[in-house]
Amino acid sequence: MLIHVRPIAISLAVTAFFAVSFIGLFYGLTPFTCCKRAFLCAAAIYLAASIAVNIVNAILTSAIIESHTNKQKETQRAG
């Protein structure tokens, strides 16, 4: 079963957006600066999470395929 990319990436990006914006406001930056930095961070986190989940999906897919081929080979040898 593959992992859905978009919900995970969006959740991480939204969390990062608010975390960076609150940290920026805590350190006294202007709201516009906080928004720009938070947006850039959220975009970077979204891309990184998407790539990471796609890599995990590729690994899972290859493992599933290998498992099925091994089962087919075993049944052919036994039968």
C-alpha atoms as a PDB file:
ATOM      1  CA  MET A   1       0.000   0.000   0.000  1.00  0.00           C
ATOM      2  CA  LEU A   2       1.524   3.263  -1.101  1.00  0.00           C
ATOM      3  CA  ILE A   3       1.687   6.442   0.937  1.00  0.00           C
ATOM      4  CA  HIS A   4      -0.257   9.492  -0.263  1.00  0.00           C
ATOM      5  CA  VAL A   5       2.214  12.287  -0.970  1.00  0.00           C
ATOM      6  CA  ARG A   6       0.129  15.449  -0.984  1.00  0.00           C
ATOM      7  CA  PRO A   7      -1.517  15.255   2.486  1.00  0.00           C
ATOM      8  CA  ILE A   8       1.793  14.560   4.203  1.00  0.00           C
ATOM      9  CA  ALA A   9       3.653  17.299   2.315  1.00  0.00           C
ATOM     10  CA  ILE A  10       0.916  19.879   2.925  1.00  0.00           C
ATOM     11  CA  SER A  11       0.690  19.064   6.637  1.00  0.00           C
ATOM     12  CA  LEU A  12       4.436  19.460   7.070  1.00  0.00           C
ATOM     13  CA  ALA A  13       4.503  22.661   5.007  1.00  0.00           C
ATOM     14  CA  VAL A  14       1.676  24.280   6.984  1.00  0.00           C
ATOM     15  CA  THR A  15       3.314  23.323  10.271  1.00  0.00           C
ATOM     16  CA  ALA A  16       6.628  24.760   9.104  1.00  0.00           C
ATOM     17  CA  PHE A  17       4.931  27.945   7.875  1.00  0.00           C
ATOM     18  CA  PHE A  18       3.381  28.702  11.247  1.00  0.00           C
ATOM     19  CA  ALA A  19       6.470  27.659  13.193  1.00  0.00           C
ATOM     20  CA  VAL A  20       8.745  29.958  11.180  1.00  0.00           C
ATOM     21  CA  SER A  21       6.270  32.845  11.300  1.00  0.00           C
ATOM     22  CA  PHE A  22       5.858  32.600  15.081  1.00  0.00           C
ATOM     23  CA  ILE A  23       9.619  32.360  15.573  1.00  0.00           C
ATOM     24  CA  GLY A  24      10.087  35.442  13.394  1.00  0.00           C
ATOM     25  CA  LEU A  25       7.462  37.398  15.302  1.00  0.00           C
ATOM     26  CA  PHE A  26       9.042  36.302  18.585  1.00  0.00           C
ATOM     27  CA  TYR A  27      12.376  37.769  17.463  1.00  0.00           C
ATOM     28  CA  GLY A  28      10.756  41.068  16.499  1.00  0.00           C
ATOM     29  CA  LEU A  29      10.739  40.849  12.715  1.00  0.00           C
ATOM     30  CA  THR A  30       8.081  42.679  10.735  1.00  0.00           C
ATOM     31  CA  PRO A  31       5.014  40.653   9.714  1.00  0.00           C
ATOM     32  CA  PHE A  32       5.886  41.011   6.019  1.00  0.00           C
ATOM     33  CA  THR A  33       9.386  39.618   6.577  1.00  0.00           C
ATOM     34  CA  CYS A  34       7.984  36.770   8.661  1.00  0.00           C
ATOM     35  CA  CYS A  35       5.481  35.965   5.930  1.00  0.00           C
ATOM     36  CA  LYS A  36       8.118  35.905   3.198  1.00  0.00           C
ATOM     37  CA  ARG A  37      10.455  33.697   5.186  1.00  0.00           C
ATOM     38  CA  ALA A  38       7.670  31.400   6.299  1.00  0.00           C
ATOM     39  CA  PHE A  39       6.414  31.024   2.724  1.00  0.00           C
ATOM     40  CA  LEU A  40       9.879  30.160   1.426  1.00  0.00           C
ATOM     41  CA  CYS A  41      10.380  27.665   4.240  1.00  0.00           C
ATOM     42  CA  ALA A  42       6.974  26.080   3.599  1.00  0.00           C
ATOM     43  CA  ALA A  43       7.741  25.745  -0.121  1.00  0.00           C
ATOM     44  CA  ALA A  44      11.091  24.118   0.638  1.00  0.00           C
ATOM     45  CA  ILE A  45       9.537  21.739   3.173  1.00  0.00           C
ATOM     46  CA  TYR A  46       6.774  20.830   0.698  1.00  0.00           C
ATOM     47  CA  LEU A  47       9.313  19.966  -1.997  1.00  0.00           C
ATOM     48  CA  ALA A  48      11.542  18.031   0.395  1.00  0.00           C
ATOM     49  CA  ALA A  49       8.620  16.079   1.860  1.00  0.00           C
ATOM     50  CA  SER A  50       7.273  15.276  -1.605  1.00  0.00           C
ATOM     51  CA  ILE A  51      10.628  13.957  -2.728  1.00  0.00           C
ATOM     52  CA  ALA A  52      11.113  11.957   0.478  1.00  0.00           C
ATOM     53  CA  VAL A  53       7.659  10.348   0.299  1.00  0.00           C
ATOM     54  CA  ASN A  54       8.154   9.514  -3.381  1.00  0.00           C
ATOM     55  CA  ILE A  55      11.449   7.805  -2.503  1.00  0.00           C
ATOM     56  CA  VAL A  56       9.716   5.802   0.235  1.00  0.00           C
ATOM     57  CA  ASN A  57       6.955   4.863  -2.233  1.00  0.00           C
ATOM     58  CA  ALA A  58       9.535   3.670  -4.752  1.00  0.00           C
ATOM     59  CA  ILE A  59      11.211   1.513  -2.101  1.00  0.00           C
ATOM     60  CA  LEU A  60       7.877   0.065  -0.990  1.00  0.00           C
ATOM     61  CA  THR A  61       6.830  -0.647  -4.567  1.00  0.00           C
ATOM     62  CA  SER A  62      10.067  -2.436  -5.307  1.00  0.00           C
ATOM     63  CA  ALA A  63       9.747  -4.492  -2.107  1.00  0.00           C
ATOM     64  CA  ILE A  64       6.171  -5.469  -2.949  1.00  0.00           C
ATOM     65  CA  ILE A  65       7.144  -6.503  -6.477  1.00  0.00           C
ATOM     66  CA  GLU A  66      10.092  -8.522  -5.205  1.00  0.00           C
ATOM     67  CA  SER A  67       7.902 -10.234  -2.619  1.00  0.00           C
ATOM     68  CA  HIS A  68       5.327 -11.225  -5.238  1.00  0.00           C
ATOM     69  CA  THR A  69       7.951 -12.527  -7.645  1.00  0.00           C
ATOM     70  CA  ASN A  70       9.547 -14.582  -4.871  1.00  0.00           C
ATOM     71  CA  LYS A  71       6.153 -16.085  -3.982  1.00  0.00           C
ATOM     72  CA  GLN A  72       5.515 -16.965  -7.624  1.00  0.00           C
ATOM     73  CA  LYS A  73       8.937 -18.612  -7.937  1.00  0.00           C
ATOM     74  CA  GLU A  74       8.292 -20.674  -4.806  1.00  0.00           C
ATOM     75  CA  THR A  75       4.900 -21.856  -6.020  1.00  0.00           C
ATOM     76  CA  GLN A  76       6.373 -22.782  -9.414  1.00  0.00           C
ATOM     77  CA  ARG A  77       9.143 -24.818  -7.751  1.00  0.00           C
ATOM     78  CA  ALA A  78       6.692 -26.562  -5.423  1.00  0.00           C
ATOM     79  CA  GLY A  79       4.106 -27.288  -8.112  1.00  0.00           C
END
